[in-house]
């Protein structure tokens, strides 16, 4: 059973770090365009042995083209964030990334763009950029976090349960 959740939250500014990561600070579309962002997981129960495939989908519900980050951008960072049931953010493992900067892509009215990521119930362990440790078993909320229309776009969370294995 696939779990899905959707919500749009506009932000007034795009952080300098995200702007540099995207190299796409020359947005030309109006920020009032409606982009619907949703997230889904192919698993309700996740463990290190059974990671989840996370799908993030953006749909342009407006009547004009909107620029969004190119899908390749998410090779350097996941298109989602993870929080514990207490609300504390889980620092995801870093990725060594030598990808070139990608120009944003146009999302036409009615068009959909999907990006996939993977989560293996892991977190950064603080010892190095790619060092990982398992998270504690329990409930976690995964929220889409993508870039488009001059803002960071997020979704309502989807809840997964992490078990020890």
Foldseek 3Di string as FASTA:
>chain_A
DKDKFKDWDFDPADDPVVCVLQVAQPWDDALVWDKIKMKIWPAQEAALVRKIKMKIKIFGQGQAKKWWGDLVSCVQPPQKWKAAPVRHTFAAAGDDDDDDRDYTDIAHHGRMDMHIDIDRQWGAPPPDRHDIDHDDWAKMWMWGWTGISRGTIITGTDIHTYDYD
